[in-house]
C-alpha atoms as a PDB file:
ATOM      1  CA  MET A   1      74.542  66.934  18.442  1.00  0.00           C
ATOM      2  CA  GLU A   2      76.967  64.289  17.257  1.00  0.00           C
ATOM      3  CA  GLN A   3      80.683  64.925  16.930  1.00  0.00           C
ATOM      4  CA  GLN A   4      81.622  65.998  13.413  1.00  0.00           C
ATOM      5  CA  GLN A   5      84.328  64.070  11.591  1.00  0.00           C
ATOM      6  CA  GLY A   6      87.779  65.687  11.504  1.00  0.00           C
ATOM      7  CA  ARG A   7      87.247  68.414  14.106  1.00  0.00           C
ATOM      8  CA  PRO A   8      87.704  68.502  17.899  1.00  0.00           C
ATOM      9  CA  ARG A   9      84.744  67.510  19.994  1.00  0.00           C
ATOM     10  CA  GLU A  10      82.531  70.422  21.015  1.00  0.00           C
ATOM     11  CA  ALA A  11      79.673  69.767  23.383  1.00  0.00           C
ATOM     12  CA  ALA A  12      76.223  70.916  22.330  1.00  0.00           C
ATOM     13  CA  TYR A  13      74.510  73.496  24.481  1.00  0.00           C
ATOM     14  CA  GLY A  14      72.166  71.511  26.679  1.00  0.00           C
ATOM     15  CA  HIS A  15      73.426  68.019  25.768  1.00  0.00           C
ATOM     16  CA  VAL A  16      76.614  67.308  27.709  1.00  0.00           C
ATOM     17  CA  PRO A  17      77.365  63.764  28.951  1.00  0.00           C
ATOM     18  CA  ALA A  18      77.283  63.402  32.723  1.00  0.00           C
ATOM     19  CA  ALA A  19      80.977  62.497  32.793  1.00  0.00           C
ATOM     20  CA  THR A  20      81.941  65.952  31.507  1.00  0.00           C
ATOM     21  CA  GLN A  21      79.757  68.118  33.748  1.00  0.00           C
ATOM     22  CA  VAL A  22      81.381  70.763  35.949  1.00  0.00           C
ATOM     23  CA  PRO A  23      79.720  70.460  39.371  1.00  0.00           C
ATOM     24  CA  SER A  24      82.272  72.060  41.650  1.00  0.00           C
ATOM     25  CA  VAL A  25      82.150  75.473  40.002  1.00  0.00           C
ATOM     26  CA  ARG A  26      78.604  74.930  38.832  1.00  0.00           C
ATOM     27  CA  VAL A  27      79.383  75.492  35.167  1.00  0.00           C
ATOM     28  CA  PRO A  28      76.283  73.765  33.824  1.00  0.00           C
ATOM     29  CA  GLU A  29      75.803  71.282  31.073  1.00  0.00           C
ATOM     30  CA  GLN A  30      74.334  74.069  28.958  1.00  0.00           C
ATOM     31  CA  ALA A  31      77.486  76.152  29.251  1.00  0.00           C
ATOM     32  CA  ARG A  32      79.276  74.410  26.409  1.00  0.00           C
ATOM     33  CA  GLY A  33      78.937  75.467  22.792  1.00  0.00           C
ATOM     34  CA  GLU A  34      77.263  78.513  21.304  1.00  0.00           C
ATOM     35  CA  HIS A  35      73.630  77.437  20.869  1.00  0.00           C
ATOM     36  CA  THR A  36      70.849  76.383  23.196  1.00  0.00           C
ATOM     37  CA  HIS A  37      67.685  74.404  22.782  1.00  0.00           C
ATOM     38  CA  SER A  38      66.371  75.077  26.290  1.00  0.00           C
ATOM     39  CA  GLU A  39      66.273  77.801  28.912  1.00  0.00           C
ATOM     40  CA  PRO A  40      69.515  78.089  30.945  1.00  0.00           C
ATOM     41  CA  PRO A  41      69.340  77.487  34.698  1.00  0.00           C
ATOM     42  CA  ALA A  42      69.199  80.345  37.182  1.00  0.00           C
ATOM     43  CA  PRO A  43      72.572  82.157  37.101  1.00  0.00           C
ATOM     44  CA  ARG A  44      75.040  82.014  39.933  1.00  0.00           C
ATOM     45  CA  LEU A  45      75.662  85.654  40.780  1.00  0.00           C
ATOM     46  CA  VAL A  46      79.255  86.739  41.303  1.00  0.00           C
ATOM     47  CA  GLN A  47      80.344  89.698  43.411  1.00  0.00           C
ATOM     48  CA  ARG A  48      80.920  92.593  41.047  1.00  0.00           C
ATOM     49  CA  HIS A  49      83.971  94.029  42.850  1.00  0.00           C
ATOM     50  CA  SER A  50      86.181  91.203  41.593  1.00  0.00           C
ATOM     51  CA  VAL A  51      84.293  89.488  38.812  1.00  0.00           C
ATOM     52  CA  ARG A  52      87.234  88.605  36.614  1.00  0.00           C
ATOM     53  CA  GLY A  53      89.319  87.312  39.522  1.00  0.00           C
ATOM     54  CA  GLN A  54      86.531  85.126  40.875  1.00  0.00           C
ATOM     55  CA  ILE A  55      85.772  83.656  37.474  1.00  0.00           C
ATOM     56  CA  LEU A  56      89.469  83.059  36.849  1.00  0.00           C
ATOM     57  CA  ASP A  57      89.748  81.189  40.156  1.00  0.00           C
ATOM     58  CA  ALA A  58      86.650  79.118  39.369  1.00  0.00           C
ATOM     59  CA  LEU A  59      87.882  78.225  35.902  1.00  0.00           C
ATOM     60  CA  ARG A  60      91.324  77.300  37.239  1.00  0.00           C
ATOM     61  CA  ALA A  61      89.730  74.988  39.795  1.00  0.00           C
ATOM     62  CA  ALA A  62      87.651  73.354  37.075  1.00  0.00           C
ATOM     63  CA  LEU A  63      90.762  72.880  34.926  1.00  0.00           C
ATOM     64  CA  VAL A  64      92.758  71.265  37.727  1.00  0.00           C
ATOM     65  CA  SER A  65      89.920  68.888  38.587  1.00  0.00           C
ATOM     66  CA  GLY A  66      89.441  67.955  34.955  1.00  0.00           C
ATOM     67  CA  GLU A  67      85.861  69.201  34.968  1.00  0.00           C
ATOM     68  CA  LEU A  68      86.720  71.455  32.046  1.00  0.00           C
ATOM     69  CA  VAL A  69      87.641  68.631  29.701  1.00  0.00           C
ATOM     70  CA  PRO A  70      90.842  68.708  27.611  1.00  0.00           C
ATOM     71  CA  GLY A  71      89.970  69.067  23.948  1.00  0.00           C
ATOM     72  CA  GLU A  72      86.508  70.538  24.600  1.00  0.00           C
ATOM     73  CA  VAL A  73      85.504  74.016  23.380  1.00  0.00           C
ATOM     74  CA  TYR A  74      83.702  76.380  25.775  1.00  0.00           C
ATOM     75  CA  SER A  75      82.063  79.634  24.744  1.00  0.00           C
ATOM     76  CA  GLY A  76      82.416  82.920  26.621  1.00  0.00           C
ATOM     77  CA  PRO A  77      78.729  83.927  26.330  1.00  0.00           C
ATOM     78  CA  ALA A  78      77.442  80.587  27.624  1.00  0.00           C
ATOM     79  CA  LEU A  79      79.808  80.549  30.612  1.00  0.00           C
ATOM     80  CA  GLY A  80      79.028  84.204  31.287  1.00  0.00           C
ATOM     81  CA  ALA A  81      75.303  83.439  31.364  1.00  0.00           C
ATOM     82  CA  ARG A  82      75.905  80.730  33.924  1.00  0.00           C
ATOM     83  CA  PHE A  83      77.869  83.051  36.198  1.00  0.00           C
ATOM     84  CA  GLY A  84      75.374  85.866  35.791  1.00  0.00           C
ATOM     85  CA  VAL A  85      77.887  88.188  34.133  1.00  0.00           C
ATOM     86  CA  SER A  86      78.605  89.379  30.625  1.00  0.00           C
ATOM     87  CA  ALA A  87      80.916  87.456  28.360  1.00  0.00           C
ATOM     88  CA  THR A  88      83.624  90.120  28.780  1.00  0.00           C
ATOM     89  CA  PRO A  89      85.076  89.062  32.176  1.00  0.00           C
ATOM     90  CA  VAL A  90      84.872  85.419  31.118  1.00  0.00           C
ATOM     91  CA  ARG A  91      86.840  86.168  27.959  1.00  0.00           C
ATOM     92  CA  GLU A  92      89.358  88.188  29.984  1.00  0.00           C
ATOM     93  CA  ALA A  93      89.839  85.259  32.354  1.00  0.00           C
ATOM     94  CA  MET A  94      90.168  82.869  29.440  1.00  0.00           C
ATOM     95  CA  GLN A  95      92.777  85.138  27.823  1.00  0.00           C
ATOM     96  CA  GLN A  96      94.805  84.880  31.024  1.00  0.00           C
ATOM     97  CA  LEU A  97      94.453  81.104  30.938  1.00  0.00           C
ATOM     98  CA  ALA A  98      95.575  81.164  27.296  1.00  0.00           C
ATOM     99  CA  GLN A  99      98.749  82.997  28.353  1.00  0.00           C
ATOM    100  CA  GLU A 100      99.307  80.259  30.931  1.00  0.00           C
ATOM    101  CA  GLY A 101      98.910  77.598  28.265  1.00  0.00           C
ATOM    102  CA  ALA A 102      95.757  76.105  29.764  1.00  0.00           C
ATOM    103  CA  VAL A 103      93.441  76.961  26.862  1.00  0.00           C
ATOM    104  CA  GLU A 104      93.734  78.128  23.277  1.00  0.00           C
ATOM    105  CA  VAL A 105      91.553  80.579  21.395  1.00  0.00           C
ATOM    106  CA  VAL A 106      89.223  79.112  18.779  1.00  0.00           C
ATOM    107  CA  PRO A 107      88.082  82.035  16.568  1.00  0.00           C
ATOM    108  CA  ASN A 108      84.316  82.584  16.535  1.00  0.00           C
ATOM    109  CA  ARG A 109      83.732  79.617  18.834  1.00  0.00           C
ATOM    110  CA  GLY A 110      85.389  80.154  22.191  1.00  0.00           C
ATOM    111  CA  PHE A 111      88.291  78.471  23.966  1.00  0.00           C
ATOM    112  CA  ARG A 112      89.545  74.921  23.722  1.00  0.00           C
ATOM    113  CA  VAL A 113      91.091  73.339  26.813  1.00  0.00           C
ATOM    114  CA  THR A 114      94.661  72.369  25.984  1.00  0.00           C
ATOM    115  CA  VAL A 115      95.415  68.674  25.712  1.00  0.00           C
ATOM    116  CA  ARG A 116      98.501  67.961  27.820  1.00  0.00           C
ATOM    117  CA  THR A 117     100.855  65.090  27.098  1.00  0.00           C
ATOM    118  CA  SER A 118     102.912  63.054  29.529  1.00  0.00           C
ATOM    119  CA  LEU A 119     106.048  64.436  27.866  1.00  0.00           C
ATOM    120  CA  GLU A 120     104.986  68.039  28.527  1.00  0.00           C
ATOM    121  CA  LEU A 121     104.340  67.287  32.189  1.00  0.00           C
ATOM    122  CA  ALA A 122     107.710  65.539  32.481  1.00  0.00           C
ATOM    123  CA  GLU A 123     109.415  68.562  30.935  1.00  0.00           C
ATOM    124  CA  LEU A 124     107.686  70.916  33.375  1.00  0.00           C
ATOM    125  CA  ALA A 125     108.729  68.701  36.290  1.00  0.00           C
ATOM    126  CA  GLU A 126     112.331  68.774  35.069  1.00  0.00           C
ATOM    127  CA  VAL A 127     112.376  72.576  34.812  1.00  0.00           C
ATOM    128  CA  ARG A 128     110.812  72.929  38.267  1.00  0.00           C
ATOM    129  CA  SER A 129     113.449  70.599  39.683  1.00  0.00           C
ATOM    130  CA  LEU A 130     116.265  72.600  38.090  1.00  0.00           C
ATOM    131  CA  ILE A 131     114.929  75.738  39.775  1.00  0.00           C
ATOM    132  CA  GLU A 132     113.733  74.540  43.151  1.00  0.00           C
ATOM    133  CA  VAL A 133     116.266  71.882  44.169  1.00  0.00           C
ATOM    134  CA  PRO A 134     119.327  74.192  44.324  1.00  0.00           C
ATOM    135  CA  VAL A 135     117.295  76.909  46.044  1.00  0.00           C
ATOM    136  CA  MET A 136     116.062  74.513  48.724  1.00  0.00           C
ATOM    137  CA  LEU A 137     119.581  73.159  49.266  1.00  0.00           C
ATOM    138  CA  ARG A 138     120.859  76.705  49.763  1.00  0.00           C
ATOM    139  CA  LEU A 139     118.023  77.530  52.132  1.00  0.00           C
ATOM    140  CA  ALA A 140     118.677  74.356  54.123  1.00  0.00           C
ATOM    141  CA  ARG A 141     122.153  75.675  54.903  1.00  0.00           C
ATOM    142  CA  THR A 142     121.035  79.147  55.986  1.00  0.00           C
ATOM    143  CA  ILE A 143     117.490  79.087  57.412  1.00  0.00           C
ATOM    144  CA  PRO A 144     117.197  78.204  61.133  1.00  0.00           C
ATOM    145  CA  ALA A 145     115.143  75.197  62.191  1.00  0.00           C
ATOM    146  CA  ALA A 146     112.567  77.349  63.966  1.00  0.00           C
ATOM    147  CA  ARG A 147     111.658  79.033  60.685  1.00  0.00           C
ATOM    148  CA  TRP A 148     110.929  75.697  59.040  1.00  0.00           C
ATOM    149  CA  CYS A 149     108.683  74.768  61.965  1.00  0.00           C
ATOM    150  CA  GLU A 150     106.581  77.835  61.217  1.00  0.00           C
ATOM    151  CA  LEU A 151     105.716  76.350  57.821  1.00  0.00           C
ATOM    152  CA  ARG A 152     104.283  73.123  59.256  1.00  0.00           C
ATOM    153  CA  PRO A 153     100.680  74.436  59.210  1.00  0.00           C
ATOM    154  CA  LEU A 154     100.989  74.877  55.437  1.00  0.00           C
ATOM    155  CA  ALA A 155     102.277  71.321  55.049  1.00  0.00           C
ATOM    156  CA  GLU A 156      99.485  70.040  57.278  1.00  0.00           C
ATOM    157  CA  ALA A 157      96.984  71.959  55.160  1.00  0.00           C
ATOM    158  CA  THR A 158      98.082  69.957  52.124  1.00  0.00           C
ATOM    159  CA  THR A 159      97.447  66.754  54.067  1.00  0.00           C
ATOM    160  CA  ALA A 160      93.981  67.944  55.057  1.00  0.00           C
ATOM    161  CA  ALA A 161      93.174  68.872  51.448  1.00  0.00           C
ATOM    162  CA  ALA A 162      94.484  65.530  50.207  1.00  0.00           C
ATOM    163  CA  ALA A 163      92.279  63.681  52.683  1.00  0.00           C
ATOM    164  CA  THR A 164      89.178  65.204  51.099  1.00  0.00           C
ATOM    165  CA  GLY A 165      90.196  64.030  47.635  1.00  0.00           C
ATOM    166  CA  ASN A 166      89.467  67.531  46.323  1.00  0.00           C
ATOM    167  CA  ARG A 167      92.155  67.954  43.681  1.00  0.00           C
ATOM    168  CA  ALA A 168      91.529  71.673  43.156  1.00  0.00           C
ATOM    169  CA  ALA A 169      91.853  72.385  46.893  1.00  0.00           C
ATOM    170  CA  TYR A 170      94.978  70.262  47.050  1.00  0.00           C
ATOM    171  CA  ALA A 171      96.507  72.107  44.103  1.00  0.00           C
ATOM    172  CA  GLU A 172      96.036  75.450  45.852  1.00  0.00           C
ATOM    173  CA  SER A 173      97.502  74.247  49.156  1.00  0.00           C
ATOM    174  CA  ASP A 174     100.387  72.549  47.352  1.00  0.00           C
ATOM    175  CA  ARG A 175     101.348  75.759  45.549  1.00  0.00           C
ATOM    176  CA  ALA A 176     100.995  77.771  48.766  1.00  0.00           C
ATOM    177  CA  PHE A 177     103.471  75.445  50.484  1.00  0.00           C
ATOM    178  CA  HIS A 178     106.039  75.676  47.706  1.00  0.00           C
ATOM    179  CA  ARG A 179     105.621  79.457  47.457  1.00  0.00           C
ATOM    180  CA  ALA A 180     106.247  79.818  51.191  1.00  0.00           C
ATOM    181  CA  ILE A 181     109.500  77.875  50.977  1.00  0.00           C
ATOM    182  CA  LEU A 182     110.787  79.691  47.902  1.00  0.00           C
ATOM    183  CA  SER A 183     109.792  83.067  49.369  1.00  0.00           C
ATOM    184  CA  LEU A 184     112.493  82.547  51.991  1.00  0.00           C
ATOM    185  CA  SER A 185     115.014  83.093  49.194  1.00  0.00           C
ATOM    186  CA  GLY A 186     113.953  86.750  49.009  1.00  0.00           C
ATOM    187  CA  ASN A 187     113.804  86.493  45.201  1.00  0.00           C
ATOM    188  CA  ARG A 188     110.322  87.531  44.077  1.00  0.00           C
ATOM    189  CA  GLN A 189     111.048  86.843  40.405  1.00  0.00           C
ATOM    190  CA  LEU A 190     112.036  83.290  41.243  1.00  0.00           C
ATOM    191  CA  VAL A 191     108.817  82.783  43.214  1.00  0.00           C
ATOM    192  CA  THR A 192     106.723  84.112  40.327  1.00  0.00           C
ATOM    193  CA  VAL A 193     108.401  81.927  37.721  1.00  0.00           C
ATOM    194  CA  ALA A 194     108.271  78.815  39.906  1.00  0.00           C
ATOM    195  CA  ASP A 195     104.612  79.378  40.751  1.00  0.00           C
ATOM    196  CA  ASP A 196     103.709  79.730  37.074  1.00  0.00           C
ATOM    197  CA  LEU A 197     105.527  76.485  36.239  1.00  0.00           C
ATOM    198  CA  HIS A 198     103.816  74.782  39.163  1.00  0.00           C
ATOM    199  CA  ARG A 199     100.377  75.905  38.000  1.00  0.00           C
ATOM    200  CA  ARG A 200     101.056  74.765  34.428  1.00  0.00           C
ATOM    201  CA  SER A 201     102.058  71.325  35.697  1.00  0.00           C
ATOM    202  CA  GLN A 202      98.674  70.931  37.404  1.00  0.00           C
ATOM    203  CA  TRP A 203      96.494  71.125  34.266  1.00  0.00           C
ATOM    204  CA  PRO A 204      95.148  67.630  33.622  1.00  0.00           C
ATOM    205  CA  LEU A 205      95.881  65.131  30.909  1.00  0.00           C
ATOM    206  CA  LEU A 206      93.206  64.081  28.431  1.00  0.00           C
ATOM    207  CA  THR A 207      92.915  60.794  30.299  1.00  0.00           C
ATOM    208  CA  GLY A 208      93.854  60.523  33.933  1.00  0.00           C
ATOM    209  CA  ASP A 209      95.114  63.304  36.155  1.00  0.00           C
ATOM    210  CA  PRO A 210      98.695  64.240  37.130  1.00  0.00           C
ATOM    211  CA  LEU A 211      97.565  64.627  40.722  1.00  0.00           C
ATOM    212  CA  GLY A 212      96.130  61.125  40.777  1.00  0.00           C
ATOM    213  CA  ARG A 213      93.792  59.531  43.270  1.00  0.00           C
ATOM    214  CA  ARG A 214      93.351  60.435  46.932  1.00  0.00           C
ATOM    215  CA  ALA A 215      96.022  57.907  47.949  1.00  0.00           C
ATOM    216  CA  ASP A 216      98.465  59.637  45.603  1.00  0.00           C
ATOM    217  CA  LEU A 217      97.544  63.025  47.023  1.00  0.00           C
ATOM    218  CA  LEU A 218      98.147  61.797  50.570  1.00  0.00           C
ATOM    219  CA  ALA A 219     101.542  60.368  49.604  1.00  0.00           C
ATOM    220  CA  ASP A 220     102.441  63.643  47.903  1.00  0.00           C
ATOM    221  CA  ALA A 221     101.372  65.642  50.970  1.00  0.00           C
ATOM    222  CA  ALA A 222     103.374  63.396  53.309  1.00  0.00           C
ATOM    223  CA  GLU A 223     106.515  64.365  51.399  1.00  0.00           C
ATOM    224  CA  HIS A 224     105.940  67.983  52.422  1.00  0.00           C
ATOM    225  CA  LEU A 225     106.204  67.174  56.126  1.00  0.00           C
ATOM    226  CA  ALA A 226     109.240  64.964  55.543  1.00  0.00           C
ATOM    227  CA  LEU A 227     110.862  67.753  53.546  1.00  0.00           C
ATOM    228  CA  LEU A 228     110.391  70.268  56.354  1.00  0.00           C
ATOM    229  CA  ASP A 229     111.999  67.843  58.810  1.00  0.00           C
ATOM    230  CA  ALA A 230     114.987  67.385  56.491  1.00  0.00           C
ATOM    231  CA  LEU A 231     115.327  71.131  55.938  1.00  0.00           C
ATOM    232  CA  ALA A 232     115.227  71.796  59.685  1.00  0.00           C
ATOM    233  CA  ALA A 233     117.886  69.116  60.245  1.00  0.00           C
ATOM    234  CA  GLN A 234     120.010  70.536  57.394  1.00  0.00           C
ATOM    235  CA  ASP A 235     120.143  67.050  55.907  1.00  0.00           C
ATOM    236  CA  LEU A 236     121.038  68.027  52.353  1.00  0.00           C
ATOM    237  CA  THR A 237     121.093  64.464  51.057  1.00  0.00           C
ATOM    238  CA  VAL A 238     117.544  63.807  52.186  1.00  0.00           C
ATOM    239  CA  VAL A 239     116.360  67.217  50.956  1.00  0.00           C
ATOM    240  CA  GLN A 240     117.700  66.549  47.467  1.00  0.00           C
ATOM    241  CA  SER A 241     116.246  63.040  47.431  1.00  0.00           C
ATOM    242  CA  LEU A 242     112.814  64.131  48.632  1.00  0.00           C
ATOM    243  CA  VAL A 243     112.505  67.033  46.227  1.00  0.00           C
ATOM    244  CA  GLY A 244     113.661  64.848  43.348  1.00  0.00           C
ATOM    245  CA  GLU A 245     111.047  62.201  44.201  1.00  0.00           C
ATOM    246  CA  HIS A 246     108.401  64.883  44.665  1.00  0.00           C
ATOM    247  CA  PHE A 247     108.896  66.229  41.154  1.00  0.00           C
ATOM    248  CA  ALA A 248     109.184  62.740  39.693  1.00  0.00           C
ATOM    249  CA  GLY A 249     105.746  62.012  41.134  1.00  0.00           C
ATOM    250  CA  ALA A 250     104.324  65.216  39.658  1.00  0.00           C
ATOM    251  CA  ASP A 251     104.393  63.786  36.130  1.00  0.00           C
ATOM    252  CA  ARG A 252     103.000  60.356  36.920  1.00  0.00           C
END
């Protein structure tokens, strides 16, 4: 089905270009749009005890990797058929993503993946910096070096994820590292707000990806280890510089 003039592109059920397929979460080519001209593939069954949570995680991974394409519309029933569940948990997961700003509701059609701009990502990076930099500087003055050493496995996990080039896996490990540091503040509200901002900053642009190529991921991960060393040494100048560069790279 060809794109109609004057409306956002919506993939036809069963006719999705190879470049926009969703292999990692196995959302099939047929999962886009509302109509089908062929039988759908065998469904991937999801454990019923946490259907919504598993689908939410899968959709988030697909968003981070860019496999759910900005500007595209995806229907709840078609995605539900692929996962072997009803449309209800898919719609519930999509409603959560809408609250996070990752998708928007398209009445009677489904959900359109939000198109991010470079300006939006730069704004998110600025807000994250305003929150996290002063907290990390305060923690550098009060947390003993041994405690920072305990976080090295999390930093090393980001390096391992970056080495695979798996952007979704890297995104998860990156947020886990930042959450662990901010959790030392003892302020749960701060951790929640910062994590939400972090997640929002990881949704992809229409062209390109804020996380970049594997080389960019590795450089980003290396800053985590350097940051822990600076925090352990209570080198406030280096901490501020590293965190500033880290957020500046987040909107590239």
